[in-house]
C-alpha cells in the first residue's frame, strides 16, 4: 500500500493556534481566541483533505469514516442546522482526524519544539499565577474571586486540565534532553506547574498528576511494553466502570469522600437525566440539538447522548486501536512517559469530557502527547 506522508504544516499551525488561544483566553481576547480556534479547524480540515490522496483500506480509516458519517447523520436527523451545531460537530471530529492523519513522520526536532513551547507556556502560567487574574472567575454576575486557582480561565477544572497536560510534557522532557541544565530547568518547571495544579483544587487533575509522578519515579527507566499494553486496556474500561459504579451504587458514591468532597458531586443526576426521555431513535441517533457534545462529566456518555450508541462504540474502538498502534512505536523513555500521559487523559474521560469532545485547544493538547509518543524519525 502506498502511503503519502502528511507534511508538518498542519501540526505547526495547530501548535501556534493552541498557544494563541491559551495566551489570549485569560484576558478576554475573544477575537484572538476565535482566530486560534479557526486555525485549528483549518489544520484538521487540511489533514483530512490531504488524506484523500491515500488509500483508505486500513481498519482505523474505515472506523474513522464511520464515525464522521454517522455523527453527521445524527445532526441531519435532528434537523439542527445551526452554526453552533456544526462547530460542535467539527470540534468532536478534530481528535479522530488528527489521530488518523497527523501522526506520520514525526521528527525528534519537532518533538523538541513541542517541549520548548510548553516550557514557554509554563512560564506564562507562572506569570498569570502572580497576576491579579490568578483567582478570577467570570460568572453570571461579573468577576468574583475564588479560593481555587483559575489563572483567568473559565473555571478551576479547565485550568487544571491545561496545567495537567503541561505537567506531563514538562516532566517527560527531563528524559528527552541530555544536557543537565535542561533537565534541571524542566524539572523545576514541572514542579511549579505541579504546585499550580494543587492550587486549582481540581481533584481529578491532582490525582492524575500524583499518579504520573509515581510512574515517573518508579517505572520510567524500565521499558515494559506488556505493562503499558495492560494499562491501555484498563484505561479504556475505567470510564465505563465509573459510570456503572455511580449509577449502580448511588448511595455509596455519595458517601465516599475524595479530597474533601463526595465522589459523586451530582453526576448521578446528570447521567440519569440523559436516559429519562430517551426513546429507541434517540438511543440509536442521540439528541444532537439538546446536547451537542456538551460536558456530561463522562466522555463516553457525552458522545452517546449527542450521536447515539453506534458512534460511541466506533469512537471507543477507534481511540483504542490508534492508541495500541502508537504503543507499538514507543521505544524511548520520553515516548513512554508521553504515552502514559495519554492513558491518564483517557482515565480523565471518566469524570470530564472536554479532552475528547470539546476540540480545539484540548485536541491539540492531546495531540502534543501523541506526537511525542509516536515520534519515529531522528533528524
Protein backbone atom coordinates (compact mmCIF):
# COMPACT_ATOMS: atom_id res chain seq x y z
CA UNK A 1 0.00 0.00 0.00
CA UNK A 2 1.40 3.38 -0.97
CA UNK A 3 1.21 5.96 1.81
CA UNK A 4 1.51 9.65 1.07
CA UNK A 5 3.17 11.34 4.05
CA UNK A 6 1.39 14.26 5.66
CA UNK A 7 3.58 17.33 5.93
CA UNK A 8 4.31 19.21 9.13
CA UNK A 9 2.35 22.28 8.02
CA UNK A 10 -0.88 21.43 9.84
CA UNK A 11 0.96 20.49 13.03
CA UNK A 12 2.80 23.81 13.21
CA UNK A 13 -0.40 25.73 12.51
CA UNK A 14 -2.16 23.79 15.28
CA UNK A 15 0.64 24.45 17.80
CA UNK A 16 0.64 28.19 17.06
CA UNK A 17 -3.15 28.27 17.34
CA UNK A 18 -3.11 26.46 20.69
CA UNK A 19 -0.58 28.94 22.08
CA UNK A 20 -2.65 31.85 20.76
CA UNK A 21 -5.79 30.56 22.50
CA UNK A 22 -4.07 29.84 25.81
CA UNK A 23 -2.34 33.23 25.89
CA UNK A 24 -5.43 35.23 24.85
CA UNK A 25 -8.17 33.50 26.84
CA UNK A 26 -7.41 34.85 30.33
CA UNK A 27 -7.52 38.44 29.09
CA UNK A 28 -10.87 38.04 27.35
CA UNK A 29 -9.44 38.49 23.85
CA UNK A 30 -12.30 36.67 22.15
CA UNK A 31 -11.24 37.70 18.63
CA UNK A 32 -7.80 36.11 19.07
CA UNK A 33 -9.35 33.02 20.65
CA UNK A 34 -11.71 32.72 17.66
CA UNK A 35 -8.81 33.09 15.23
CA UNK A 36 -6.91 30.34 17.07
CA UNK A 37 -9.96 28.09 17.04
CA UNK A 38 -10.48 28.52 13.30
CA UNK A 39 -6.77 27.90 12.67
CA UNK A 40 -7.16 24.52 14.38
CA UNK A 41 -10.31 23.81 12.35
CA UNK A 42 -8.43 24.51 9.13
CA UNK A 43 -5.44 22.43 10.27
CA UNK A 44 -7.73 19.43 10.82
CA UNK A 45 -9.57 20.05 7.55
CA UNK A 46 -6.22 20.33 5.73
CA UNK A 47 -5.14 16.96 7.16
CA UNK A 48 -8.37 15.35 6.05
CA UNK A 49 -8.16 16.80 2.53
CA UNK A 50 -4.52 15.74 2.14
CA UNK A 51 -5.51 12.27 3.31
CA UNK A 52 -7.86 11.77 0.36
CA UNK A 53 -4.74 11.06 -1.67
CA UNK A 54 -4.27 7.94 0.44
CA UNK A 55 -5.97 4.58 0.03
CA UNK A 56 -8.45 4.01 2.84
CA UNK A 57 -8.04 0.30 3.33
CA UNK A 58 -6.74 0.41 6.89
CA UNK A 59 -9.30 -0.63 9.54
CA UNK A 60 -8.74 2.59 11.52
CA UNK A 61 -9.60 4.70 8.46
CA UNK A 62 -12.80 2.72 7.89
CA UNK A 63 -13.82 3.17 11.54
CA UNK A 64 -12.95 6.89 11.35
CA UNK A 65 -15.20 7.47 8.36
CA UNK A 66 -17.96 5.52 10.08
CA UNK A 67 -17.69 7.99 12.97
CA UNK A 68 -17.74 11.00 10.65
CA UNK A 69 -20.69 9.80 8.56
CA UNK A 70 -22.83 8.53 11.45
CA UNK A 71 -22.28 11.62 13.60
CA UNK A 72 -23.13 13.84 10.62
CA UNK A 73 -26.27 11.76 10.07
CA UNK A 74 -27.20 12.34 13.73
CA UNK A 75 -27.00 16.07 13.13
CA UNK A 76 -29.04 15.83 9.92
CA UNK A 77 -31.67 13.63 11.59
CA UNK A 78 -32.01 16.15 14.41
CA UNK A 79 -32.54 18.95 11.87
CA UNK A 80 -30.15 21.00 13.98
CA UNK A 81 -28.57 23.03 11.18
CA UNK A 82 -27.15 25.86 13.24
CA UNK A 83 -23.71 27.43 13.34
CA UNK A 84 -23.13 26.15 16.89
CA UNK A 85 -24.13 22.62 15.92
CA UNK A 86 -21.67 22.47 13.04
CA UNK A 87 -18.90 23.90 15.22
CA UNK A 88 -19.65 21.33 17.92
CA UNK A 89 -19.59 18.54 15.33
CA UNK A 90 -16.26 19.60 13.87
CA UNK A 91 -14.76 20.05 17.34
CA UNK A 92 -15.70 16.42 18.01
CA UNK A 93 -14.15 15.36 14.71
CA UNK A 94 -10.79 17.03 15.40
CA UNK A 95 -9.28 14.37 17.67
CA UNK A 96 -10.10 11.40 15.36
CA UNK A 97 -8.93 13.31 12.27
CA UNK A 98 -5.65 14.40 13.83
CA UNK A 99 -5.08 10.93 15.28
CA UNK A 100 -5.57 9.28 11.90
CA UNK A 101 -3.74 11.71 9.62
CA UNK A 102 -1.30 13.77 11.69
CA UNK A 103 0.92 11.13 13.30
CA UNK A 104 3.20 10.33 10.37
CA UNK A 105 6.85 11.32 10.07
CA UNK A 106 7.11 12.98 13.48
CA UNK A 107 10.75 14.02 13.90
CA UNK A 108 12.83 14.43 17.02
CA UNK A 109 13.29 18.07 16.06
CA UNK A 110 9.52 18.58 16.05
CA UNK A 111 9.22 16.89 19.47
CA UNK A 112 11.87 19.28 20.78
CA UNK A 113 9.81 22.25 19.59
CA UNK A 114 6.79 20.90 21.43
CA UNK A 115 8.87 20.75 24.62
CA UNK A 116 10.09 24.32 24.11
CA UNK A 117 6.54 25.53 23.54
CA UNK A 118 5.32 24.02 26.79
CA UNK A 119 8.25 25.48 28.71
CA UNK A 120 7.10 28.85 27.42
CA UNK A 121 3.51 28.09 28.46
CA UNK A 122 4.69 27.08 31.94
CA UNK A 123 6.46 30.44 32.25
CA UNK A 124 3.26 32.16 31.15
CA UNK A 125 1.18 30.18 33.66
CA UNK A 126 3.55 31.29 36.43
CA UNK A 127 3.12 34.90 35.27
CA UNK A 128 -0.67 34.50 35.41
CA UNK A 129 -0.41 32.95 38.88
CA UNK A 130 1.36 36.10 40.09
CA UNK A 131 -1.08 38.43 38.30
CA UNK A 132 -4.44 39.84 39.50
CA UNK A 133 -6.15 37.25 37.30
CA UNK A 134 -4.90 34.30 39.37
CA UNK A 135 -8.17 33.58 41.21
CA UNK A 136 -10.64 35.39 38.96
CA UNK A 137 -13.88 33.74 37.93
CA UNK A 138 -16.20 35.37 35.43
CA UNK A 139 -19.69 34.28 36.43
CA UNK A 140 -23.20 35.46 35.52
CA UNK A 141 -22.87 38.36 37.97
CA UNK A 142 -19.44 39.53 36.90
CA UNK A 143 -15.92 38.75 38.05
CA UNK A 144 -15.50 37.31 41.53
CA UNK A 145 -12.51 35.95 43.43
CA UNK A 146 -12.37 32.23 44.16
CA UNK A 147 -10.24 30.32 46.64
CA UNK A 148 -9.22 27.96 43.80
CA UNK A 149 -6.69 28.95 41.13
CA UNK A 150 -8.14 29.83 37.71
CA UNK A 151 -5.29 31.82 36.08
CA UNK A 152 -8.08 33.84 34.45
CA UNK A 153 -9.54 30.87 32.55
CA UNK A 154 -13.21 29.94 32.82
CA UNK A 155 -13.04 27.75 35.93
CA UNK A 156 -10.53 25.83 38.09
CA UNK A 157 -11.27 22.49 36.39
CA UNK A 158 -10.45 23.93 32.97
CA UNK A 159 -7.27 25.45 34.38
CA UNK A 160 -6.37 22.10 35.95
CA UNK A 161 -6.77 20.35 32.58
CA UNK A 162 -4.49 22.81 30.80
CA UNK A 163 -1.90 22.51 33.57
CA UNK A 164 -2.15 18.71 33.65
CA UNK A 165 -1.01 18.27 30.04
CA UNK A 166 1.72 20.84 30.61
CA UNK A 167 2.90 18.88 33.68
CA UNK A 168 3.02 15.59 31.74
CA UNK A 169 5.09 17.12 28.95
CA UNK A 170 7.48 19.06 31.20
CA UNK A 171 8.26 16.09 33.44
CA UNK A 172 8.72 13.86 30.39
CA UNK A 173 11.13 16.41 28.91
CA UNK A 174 13.62 15.69 31.71
CA UNK A 175 14.28 12.34 29.98
CA UNK A 176 14.38 13.84 26.47
CA UNK A 177 17.19 16.36 26.93
CA UNK A 178 20.70 15.07 27.60
CA UNK A 179 22.23 18.29 28.95
CA UNK A 180 21.93 18.61 32.72
CA UNK A 181 20.93 22.29 32.56
CA UNK A 182 17.82 21.42 30.54
CA UNK A 183 16.96 18.56 32.85
CA UNK A 184 17.10 20.95 35.82
CA UNK A 185 15.09 23.64 34.02
CA UNK A 186 12.32 21.23 33.03
CA UNK A 187 12.27 19.55 36.46
CA UNK A 188 11.87 22.97 38.11
CA UNK A 189 9.16 23.99 35.63
CA UNK A 190 7.24 20.75 36.21
CA UNK A 191 7.45 21.30 39.99
CA UNK A 192 5.99 24.81 39.60
CA UNK A 193 3.16 23.55 37.37
CA UNK A 194 2.52 20.70 39.84
CA UNK A 195 2.04 23.25 42.63
CA UNK A 196 -0.34 25.24 40.43
CA UNK A 197 -2.38 22.09 39.79
CA UNK A 198 -2.78 21.59 43.54
CA UNK A 199 -3.96 25.21 43.89
CA UNK A 200 -6.76 24.60 41.37
CA UNK A 201 -8.39 22.10 43.78
CA UNK A 202 -9.29 20.01 40.71
CA UNK A 203 -9.43 16.55 42.27
CA UNK A 204 -9.04 14.54 39.08
CA UNK A 205 -6.08 16.61 37.89
CA UNK A 206 -4.36 16.40 41.27
CA UNK A 207 -4.77 12.62 41.48
CA UNK A 208 -3.60 12.07 37.89
CA UNK A 209 -0.58 14.34 38.44
CA UNK A 210 0.30 12.29 41.53
CA UNK A 211 -0.16 9.04 39.59
CA UNK A 212 2.04 10.32 36.77
CA UNK A 213 4.74 11.35 39.26
CA UNK A 214 4.68 7.89 40.86
CA UNK A 215 5.07 6.29 37.43
CA UNK A 216 7.92 8.69 36.64
CA UNK A 217 9.77 7.86 39.85
CA UNK A 218 9.40 4.07 39.83
CA UNK A 219 8.84 2.94 36.24
CA UNK A 220 10.33 5.44 33.76
CA UNK A 221 13.69 3.63 33.49
CA UNK A 222 12.07 0.35 32.53
CA UNK A 223 10.51 -0.28 29.14
CA UNK A 224 7.72 -2.77 29.80
CA UNK A 225 5.53 -2.99 26.69
CA UNK A 226 3.37 -5.66 28.31
CA UNK A 227 2.64 -3.40 31.29
CA UNK A 228 1.67 -0.40 29.16
CA UNK A 229 -0.47 -2.64 26.94
CA UNK A 230 -2.36 -3.81 30.04
CA UNK A 231 -2.68 -0.22 31.27
CA UNK A 232 -4.14 0.73 27.87
CA UNK A 233 -6.88 -1.85 28.16
CA UNK A 234 -7.63 -0.85 31.77
CA UNK A 235 -7.73 2.86 30.93
CA UNK A 236 -10.47 2.41 28.33
CA UNK A 237 -12.60 0.38 30.76
CA UNK A 238 -12.40 2.89 33.63
CA UNK A 239 -14.91 5.43 32.18
CA UNK A 240 -17.45 2.59 31.86
CA UNK A 241 -16.65 1.28 35.35
CA UNK A 242 -17.07 4.73 36.93
CA UNK A 243 -20.39 5.23 35.12
CA UNK A 244 -21.69 1.83 36.31
CA UNK A 245 -20.49 2.49 39.86
CA UNK A 246 -22.23 5.88 40.12
CA UNK A 247 -25.47 4.55 38.59
CA UNK A 248 -25.49 1.18 40.36
CA UNK A 249 -24.15 2.26 43.74
CA UNK A 250 -25.61 5.72 44.11
CA UNK A 251 -25.61 5.80 47.90
CA UNK A 252 -22.06 4.53 48.17
CA UNK A 253 -20.75 7.01 45.60
CA UNK A 254 -22.38 9.83 47.55
CA UNK A 255 -20.87 8.67 50.84
CA UNK A 256 -17.28 8.27 49.64
CA UNK A 257 -15.15 11.32 50.36
CA UNK A 258 -12.41 12.22 47.87
CA UNK A 259 -10.14 15.17 48.69
CA UNK A 260 -12.80 16.76 50.85
CA UNK A 261 -15.79 16.26 48.52
CA UNK A 262 -18.16 13.41 47.80
CA UNK A 263 -17.15 11.14 44.93
CA UNK A 264 -20.41 11.69 43.01
CA UNK A 265 -20.80 15.53 43.13
CA UNK A 266 -24.08 15.47 41.16
CA UNK A 267 -23.05 13.07 38.42
CA UNK A 268 -25.82 10.57 39.20
CA UNK A 269 -28.43 13.21 38.33
CA UNK A 270 -26.56 14.22 35.16
CA UNK A 271 -26.20 10.61 33.99
CA UNK A 272 -29.80 9.60 34.64
CA UNK A 273 -31.22 12.75 33.02
CA UNK A 274 -29.87 11.55 29.69
CA UNK A 275 -31.96 8.39 29.77
CA UNK A 276 -35.21 9.67 31.28
CA UNK A 277 -36.76 10.83 27.99
CA UNK A 278 -34.82 8.67 25.52
CA UNK A 279 -36.79 6.54 23.09
CA UNK A 280 -35.37 3.97 20.67
CA UNK A 281 -34.49 6.50 17.95
CA UNK A 282 -32.65 8.75 20.39
CA UNK A 283 -30.79 5.70 21.73
CA UNK A 284 -29.61 4.98 18.18
CA UNK A 285 -29.10 8.56 16.91
CA UNK A 286 -28.71 10.59 20.10
CA UNK A 287 -30.16 14.03 20.65
CA UNK A 288 -27.83 16.40 18.82
CA UNK A 289 -29.88 19.55 19.32
CA UNK A 290 -30.08 19.06 23.07
CA UNK A 291 -26.50 18.03 23.89
CA UNK A 292 -24.02 18.94 21.09
CA UNK A 293 -21.20 17.03 22.86
CA UNK A 294 -21.54 19.15 25.99
CA UNK A 295 -19.62 18.05 29.06
CA UNK A 296 -21.74 15.40 30.79
CA UNK A 297 -18.76 14.55 33.02
CA UNK A 298 -18.11 11.33 31.12
CA UNK A 299 -16.82 11.50 27.56
CA UNK A 300 -18.44 8.22 26.50
CA UNK A 301 -21.79 9.48 27.75
CA UNK A 302 -21.34 12.87 26.05
CA UNK A 303 -20.78 11.17 22.69
CA UNK A 304 -23.65 8.71 23.21
CA UNK A 305 -26.10 11.42 24.28
CA UNK A 306 -25.28 13.51 21.20
CA UNK A 307 -24.84 10.96 18.42
CA UNK A 308 -26.13 7.62 19.69
CA UNK A 309 -24.87 4.16 20.51
CA UNK A 310 -23.12 3.32 17.21
CA UNK A 311 -20.99 6.47 17.18
CA UNK A 312 -19.80 5.98 20.74
CA UNK A 313 -18.91 2.32 20.07
CA UNK A 314 -16.96 3.23 16.92
CA UNK A 315 -15.36 6.16 18.76
CA UNK A 316 -14.04 3.97 21.59
CA UNK A 317 -12.87 1.28 19.14
CA UNK A 318 -11.07 3.90 17.06
CA UNK A 319 -9.31 5.51 20.02
CA UNK A 320 -8.28 2.17 21.48
CA UNK A 321 -6.98 0.91 18.13
CA UNK A 322 -4.97 4.07 17.46
CA UNK A 323 -3.54 4.06 20.99
CA UNK A 324 -2.42 0.45 20.67
CA UNK A 325 -0.83 1.28 17.31
CA UNK A 326 1.02 4.24 18.83
CA UNK A 327 2.09 1.99 21.70
CA UNK A 328 3.95 -0.30 19.26
CA UNK A 329 6.31 2.57 18.38
CA UNK A 330 7.06 3.61 21.95
CA UNK A 331 10.73 2.75 22.42
CA UNK A 332 12.29 5.66 24.30
CA UNK A 333 11.74 6.80 27.87
CA UNK A 334 10.25 10.19 26.93
CA UNK A 335 7.87 8.48 24.49
CA UNK A 336 6.77 6.07 27.18
CA UNK A 337 6.03 8.94 29.57
CA UNK A 338 4.05 10.80 26.89
CA UNK A 339 2.05 7.64 26.23
CA UNK A 340 1.29 7.19 29.94
CA UNK A 341 0.06 10.79 29.90
CA UNK A 342 -2.32 9.85 27.08
CA UNK A 343 -3.67 6.94 29.10
CA UNK A 344 -4.27 9.28 32.03
CA UNK A 345 -6.30 11.56 29.77
CA UNK A 346 -8.43 8.53 28.89
CA UNK A 347 -8.94 7.95 32.62
CA UNK A 348 -9.85 11.64 32.91
CA UNK A 349 -12.71 10.92 30.48
CA UNK A 350 -14.43 9.18 33.41
CA UNK A 351 -15.31 12.46 35.09
CA UNK A 352 -14.86 15.15 32.39
CA UNK A 353 -15.47 15.08 28.63
CA UNK A 354 -13.61 18.10 27.27
CA UNK A 355 -10.34 16.44 26.26
CA UNK A 356 -12.06 14.18 23.73
CA UNK A 357 -15.22 16.05 22.74
CA UNK A 358 -14.57 19.80 23.03
CA UNK A 359 -11.88 20.01 20.34
CA UNK A 360 -9.62 23.00 19.59
CA UNK A 361 -7.08 23.63 22.36
CA UNK A 362 -7.99 20.35 24.06
CA UNK A 363 -7.48 18.45 20.81
CA UNK A 364 -4.01 19.89 20.30
CA UNK A 365 -3.13 19.24 23.95
CA UNK A 366 -3.92 15.57 23.38
CA UNK A 367 -2.07 15.58 20.08
CA UNK A 368 1.11 17.02 21.63
CA UNK A 369 1.35 13.85 23.73
CA UNK A 370 0.50 11.75 20.67
CA UNK A 371 3.18 13.44 18.55
CA UNK A 372 5.85 12.90 21.18
CA UNK A 373 4.94 9.27 21.83
CA UNK A 374 4.71 8.43 18.10
CA UNK A 375 8.00 10.11 17.07
CA UNK A 376 9.87 7.72 14.79
CA UNK A 377 12.44 9.60 12.72
CA UNK A 378 15.65 11.13 14.08
CA UNK A 379 16.75 14.13 12.06
